[in-house]
Amino acid sequence: MRGYRDPDAFPHSDLGLLRALETESGRPNPAEMLMLAEAWRPWRAYAAMRLWAQP
């Protein structure tokens, strides 16, 4: 994402991102993840990096 210099790139089907947003009721599917990430436009790549970094 940094290499392409696209601050809005978002790998919505990445397992790490799906697990980062997992709740007691389960993890979102890629389509749900894409809908959630719409709120983060145009900085979705930074949101993805933040989700990957959280414990």
PDB file of N, CA and C in Angstrom:
ATOM      1  N   MET A   1       0.817  -1.180   0.000  1.00  0.00           N
ATOM      2  CA  MET A   1       0.000   0.000   0.000  1.00  0.00           C
ATOM      3  C   MET A   1       0.866   1.251   0.000  1.00  0.00           C
ATOM      4  N   ARG A   2       1.915   1.222   0.788  1.00  0.00           N
ATOM      5  CA  ARG A   2       2.819   2.368   0.773  1.00  0.00           C
ATOM      6  C   ARG A   2       3.622   2.419  -0.519  1.00  0.00           C
ATOM      7  N   GLY A   3       3.989   1.257  -1.031  1.00  0.00           N
ATOM      8  CA  GLY A   3       4.781   1.207  -2.257  1.00  0.00           C
ATOM      9  C   GLY A   3       4.059   1.808  -3.449  1.00  0.00           C
ATOM     10  N   TYR A   4       2.753   1.612  -3.491  1.00  0.00           N
ATOM     11  CA  TYR A   4       1.958   2.168  -4.589  1.00  0.00           C
ATOM     12  C   TYR A   4       1.473   3.583  -4.294  1.00  0.00           C
ATOM     13  N   ARG A   5       1.744   4.046  -3.078  1.00  0.00           N
ATOM     14  CA  ARG A   5       1.359   5.393  -2.648  1.00  0.00           C
ATOM     15  C   ARG A   5      -0.140   5.642  -2.815  1.00  0.00           C
ATOM     16  N   ASP A   6      -0.908   4.644  -2.426  1.00  0.00           N
ATOM     17  CA  ASP A   6      -2.361   4.751  -2.499  1.00  0.00           C
ATOM     18  C   ASP A   6      -2.922   4.709  -1.079  1.00  0.00           C
ATOM     19  N   PRO A   7      -3.306   5.855  -0.515  1.00  0.00           N
ATOM     20  CA  PRO A   7      -3.794   5.872   0.855  1.00  0.00           C
ATOM     21  C   PRO A   7      -5.168   5.229   1.024  1.00  0.00           C
ATOM     22  N   ASP A   8      -5.820   4.872  -0.081  1.00  0.00           N
ATOM     23  CA  ASP A   8      -7.154   4.292   0.001  1.00  0.00           C
ATOM     24  C   ASP A   8      -7.177   2.807  -0.366  1.00  0.00           C
ATOM     25  N   ALA A   9      -6.013   2.199  -0.583  1.00  0.00           N
ATOM     26  CA  ALA A   9      -5.972   0.764  -0.888  1.00  0.00           C
ATOM     27  C   ALA A   9      -6.430  -0.007   0.346  1.00  0.00           C
ATOM     28  N   PHE A  10      -7.282  -0.990   0.153  1.00  0.00           N
ATOM     29  CA  PHE A  10      -7.795  -1.739   1.295  1.00  0.00           C
ATOM     30  C   PHE A  10      -8.026  -3.190   0.910  1.00  0.00           C
ATOM     31  N   PRO A  11      -7.228  -4.110   1.463  1.00  0.00           N
ATOM     32  CA  PRO A  11      -7.399  -5.536   1.156  1.00  0.00           C
ATOM     33  C   PRO A  11      -8.520  -6.136   2.007  1.00  0.00           C
ATOM     34  N   HIS A  12      -9.756  -5.935   1.586  1.00  0.00           N
ATOM     35  CA  HIS A  12     -10.921  -6.275   2.399  1.00  0.00           C
ATOM     36  C   HIS A  12     -11.088  -7.769   2.689  1.00  0.00           C
ATOM     37  N   SER A  13     -10.389  -8.626   1.972  1.00  0.00           N
ATOM     38  CA  SER A  13     -10.507 -10.066   2.232  1.00  0.00           C
ATOM     39  C   SER A  13      -9.302 -10.625   3.008  1.00  0.00           C
ATOM     40  N   ASP A  14      -8.442  -9.748   3.506  1.00  0.00           N
ATOM     41  CA  ASP A  14      -7.270 -10.173   4.264  1.00  0.00           C
ATOM     42  C   ASP A  14      -7.694 -10.802   5.589  1.00  0.00           C
ATOM     43  N   LEU A  15      -7.206 -11.985   5.864  1.00  0.00           N
ATOM     44  CA  LEU A  15      -7.592 -12.707   7.074  1.00  0.00           C
ATOM     45  C   LEU A  15      -7.206 -11.951   8.341  1.00  0.00           C
ATOM     46  N   GLY A  16      -6.074 -11.291   8.344  1.00  0.00           N
ATOM     47  CA  GLY A  16      -5.661 -10.519   9.509  1.00  0.00           C
ATOM     48  C   GLY A  16      -6.622  -9.390   9.825  1.00  0.00           C
ATOM     49  N   LEU A  17      -7.114  -8.723   8.795  1.00  0.00           N
ATOM     50  CA  LEU A  17      -8.087  -7.646   9.010  1.00  0.00           C
ATOM     51  C   LEU A  17      -9.421  -8.205   9.476  1.00  0.00           C
ATOM     52  N   LEU A  18      -9.838  -9.314   8.894  1.00  0.00           N
ATOM     53  CA  LEU A  18     -11.100  -9.932   9.300  1.00  0.00           C
ATOM     54  C   LEU A  18     -11.032 -10.373  10.763  1.00  0.00           C
ATOM     55  N   ARG A  19      -9.899 -10.917  11.168  1.00  0.00           N
ATOM     56  CA  ARG A  19      -9.730 -11.334  12.568  1.00  0.00           C
ATOM     57  C   ARG A  19      -9.661 -10.141  13.507  1.00  0.00           C
ATOM     58  N   ALA A  20      -9.098  -9.035  13.043  1.00  0.00           N
ATOM     59  CA  ALA A  20      -8.983  -7.846  13.890  1.00  0.00           C
ATOM     60  C   ALA A  20     -10.350  -7.288  14.261  1.00  0.00           C
ATOM     61  N   LEU A  21     -11.335  -7.487  13.406  1.00  0.00           N
ATOM     62  CA  LEU A  21     -12.679  -6.974  13.683  1.00  0.00           C
ATOM     63  C   LEU A  21     -13.634  -8.060  14.157  1.00  0.00           C
ATOM     64  N   GLU A  22     -13.080  -9.180  14.562  1.00  0.00           N
ATOM     65  CA  GLU A  22     -13.900 -10.279  15.065  1.00  0.00           C
ATOM     66  C   GLU A  22     -14.514  -9.901  16.415  1.00  0.00           C
ATOM     67  N   THR A  23     -15.768 -10.277  16.607  1.00  0.00           N
ATOM     68  CA  THR A  23     -16.470 -10.043  17.866  1.00  0.00           C
ATOM     69  C   THR A  23     -16.955 -11.386  18.404  1.00  0.00           C
ATOM     70  N   GLU A  24     -17.690 -11.349  19.489  1.00  0.00           N
ATOM     71  CA  GLU A  24     -18.226 -12.579  20.059  1.00  0.00           C
ATOM     72  C   GLU A  24     -19.200 -13.266  19.109  1.00  0.00           C
ATOM     73  N   SER A  25     -19.830 -12.500  18.244  1.00  0.00           N
ATOM     74  CA  SER A  25     -20.791 -13.070  17.297  1.00  0.00           C
ATOM     75  C   SER A  25     -20.129 -13.544  16.001  1.00  0.00           C
ATOM     76  N   GLY A  26     -18.810 -13.420  15.900  1.00  0.00           N
ATOM     77  CA  GLY A  26     -18.084 -13.909  14.732  1.00  0.00           C
ATOM     78  C   GLY A  26     -17.328 -12.811  14.021  1.00  0.00           C
ATOM     79  N   ARG A  27     -16.665 -13.196  12.950  1.00  0.00           N
ATOM     80  CA  ARG A  27     -15.908 -12.205  12.184  1.00  0.00           C
ATOM     81  C   ARG A  27     -16.689 -11.818  10.937  1.00  0.00           C
ATOM     82  N   PRO A  28     -16.468 -10.608  10.462  1.00  0.00           N
ATOM     83  CA  PRO A  28     -17.184 -10.170   9.263  1.00  0.00           C
ATOM     84  C   PRO A  28     -16.685 -10.914   8.028  1.00  0.00           C
ATOM     85  N   ASN A  29     -17.537 -11.019   7.034  1.00  0.00           N
ATOM     86  CA  ASN A  29     -17.090 -11.585   5.764  1.00  0.00           C
ATOM     87  C   ASN A  29     -16.514 -10.441   4.935  1.00  0.00           C
ATOM     88  N   PRO A  30     -15.831 -10.730   3.822  1.00  0.00           N
ATOM     89  CA  PRO A  30     -15.202  -9.658   3.043  1.00  0.00           C
ATOM     90  C   PRO A  30     -16.168  -8.567   2.576  1.00  0.00           C
ATOM     91  N   ALA A  31     -17.392  -8.932   2.233  1.00  0.00           N
ATOM     92  CA  ALA A  31     -18.362  -7.922   1.791  1.00  0.00           C
ATOM     93  C   ALA A  31     -18.733  -6.985   2.944  1.00  0.00           C
ATOM     94  N   GLU A  32     -18.911  -7.546   4.130  1.00  0.00           N
ATOM     95  CA  GLU A  32     -19.211  -6.719   5.301  1.00  0.00           C
ATOM     96  C   GLU A  32     -18.026  -5.829   5.647  1.00  0.00           C
ATOM     97  N   MET A  33     -16.830  -6.362   5.514  1.00  0.00           N
ATOM     98  CA  MET A  33     -15.623  -5.584   5.786  1.00  0.00           C
ATOM     99  C   MET A  33     -15.532  -4.390   4.841  1.00  0.00           C
ATOM    100  N   LEU A  34     -15.847  -4.606   3.590  1.00  0.00           N
ATOM    101  CA  LEU A  34     -15.803  -3.521   2.613  1.00  0.00           C
ATOM    102  C   LEU A  34     -16.817  -2.436   2.963  1.00  0.00           C
ATOM    103  N   MET A  35     -17.995  -2.833   3.421  1.00  0.00           N
ATOM    104  CA  MET A  35     -18.998  -1.846   3.824  1.00  0.00           C
ATOM    105  C   MET A  35     -18.548  -1.063   5.054  1.00  0.00           C
ATOM    106  N   LEU A  36     -17.943  -1.754   6.028  1.00  0.00           N
ATOM    107  CA  LEU A  36     -17.425  -1.071   7.213  1.00  0.00           C
ATOM    108  C   LEU A  36     -16.341  -0.060   6.848  1.00  0.00           C
ATOM    109  N   ALA A  37     -15.500  -0.441   5.927  1.00  0.00           N
ATOM    110  CA  ALA A  37     -14.354   0.386   5.556  1.00  0.00           C
ATOM    111  C   ALA A  37     -14.738   1.626   4.755  1.00  0.00           C
ATOM    112  N   GLU A  38     -15.942   1.693   4.251  1.00  0.00           N
ATOM    113  CA  GLU A  38     -16.369   2.888   3.510  1.00  0.00           C
ATOM    114  C   GLU A  38     -16.278   4.142   4.378  1.00  0.00           C
ATOM    115  N   ALA A  39     -16.493   3.992   5.663  1.00  0.00           N
ATOM    116  CA  ALA A  39     -16.425   5.140   6.572  1.00  0.00           C
ATOM    117  C   ALA A  39     -15.000   5.678   6.713  1.00  0.00           C
ATOM    118  N   TRP A  40     -14.021   4.884   6.352  1.00  0.00           N
ATOM    119  CA  TRP A  40     -12.627   5.274   6.512  1.00  0.00           C
ATOM    120  C   TRP A  40     -12.033   5.907   5.262  1.00  0.00           C
ATOM    121  N   ARG A  41     -12.816   6.017   4.199  1.00  0.00           N
ATOM    122  CA  ARG A  41     -12.312   6.637   2.973  1.00  0.00           C
ATOM    123  C   ARG A  41     -11.893   8.063   3.243  1.00  0.00           C
ATOM    124  N   PRO A  42     -10.892   8.576   2.677  1.00  0.00           N
ATOM    125  CA  PRO A  42      -9.937   8.057   1.704  1.00  0.00           C
ATOM    126  C   PRO A  42      -8.661   7.525   2.353  1.00  0.00           C
ATOM    127  N   TRP A  43      -8.738   7.134   3.604  1.00  0.00           N
ATOM    128  CA  TRP A  43      -7.550   6.700   4.335  1.00  0.00           C
ATOM    129  C   TRP A  43      -7.627   5.246   4.774  1.00  0.00           C
ATOM    130  N   ARG A  44      -8.232   4.390   3.984  1.00  0.00           N
ATOM    131  CA  ARG A  44      -8.415   2.992   4.372  1.00  0.00           C
ATOM    132  C   ARG A  44      -7.106   2.229   4.518  1.00  0.00           C
ATOM    133  N   ALA A  45      -6.080   2.577   3.774  1.00  0.00           N
ATOM    134  CA  ALA A  45      -4.790   1.890   3.907  1.00  0.00           C
ATOM    135  C   ALA A  45      -4.201   2.120   5.299  1.00  0.00           C
ATOM    136  N   TYR A  46      -4.361   3.324   5.813  1.00  0.00           N
ATOM    137  CA  TYR A  46      -3.863   3.617   7.155  1.00  0.00           C
ATOM    138  C   TYR A  46      -4.694   2.883   8.207  1.00  0.00           C
ATOM    139  N   ALA A  47      -5.981   2.760   7.980  1.00  0.00           N
ATOM    140  CA  ALA A  47      -6.835   1.993   8.890  1.00  0.00           C
ATOM    141  C   ALA A  47      -6.407   0.525   8.892  1.00  0.00           C
ATOM    142  N   ALA A  48      -6.082  -0.010   7.723  1.00  0.00           N
ATOM    143  CA  ALA A  48      -5.638  -1.405   7.635  1.00  0.00           C
ATOM    144  C   ALA A  48      -4.338  -1.601   8.415  1.00  0.00           C
ATOM    145  N   MET A  49      -3.401  -0.687   8.275  1.00  0.00           N
ATOM    146  CA  MET A  49      -2.143  -0.805   9.009  1.00  0.00           C
ATOM    147  C   MET A  49      -2.376  -0.729  10.513  1.00  0.00           C
ATOM    148  N   ARG A  50      -3.313   0.099  10.933  1.00  0.00           N
ATOM    149  CA  ARG A  50      -3.645   0.214  12.350  1.00  0.00           C
ATOM    150  C   ARG A  50      -4.268  -1.089  12.862  1.00  0.00           C
ATOM    151  N   LEU A  51      -5.155  -1.683  12.074  1.00  0.00           N
ATOM    152  CA  LEU A  51      -5.785  -2.942  12.469  1.00  0.00           C
ATOM    153  C   LEU A  51      -4.770  -4.070  12.547  1.00  0.00           C
ATOM    154  N   TRP A  52      -3.836  -4.114  11.619  1.00  0.00           N
ATOM    155  CA  TRP A  52      -2.786  -5.142  11.644  1.00  0.00           C
ATOM    156  C   TRP A  52      -1.902  -4.994  12.876  1.00  0.00           C
ATOM    157  N   ALA A  53      -1.689  -3.770  13.350  1.00  0.00           N
ATOM    158  CA  ALA A  53      -0.763  -3.514  14.459  1.00  0.00           C
ATOM    159  C   ALA A  53      -1.390  -3.750  15.827  1.00  0.00           C
ATOM    160  N   GLN A  54      -2.698  -3.787  15.908  1.00  0.00           N
ATOM    161  CA  GLN A  54      -3.318  -3.957  17.226  1.00  0.00           C
ATOM    162  C   GLN A  54      -3.156  -5.394  17.728  1.00  0.00           C
ATOM    163  N   PRO A  55      -3.027  -5.542  19.051  1.00  0.00           N
ATOM    164  CA  PRO A  55      -2.824  -6.895  19.610  1.00  0.00           C
ATOM    165  C   PRO A  55      -4.059  -7.765  19.546  1.00  0.00           C
TER     166      PRO A  55
END
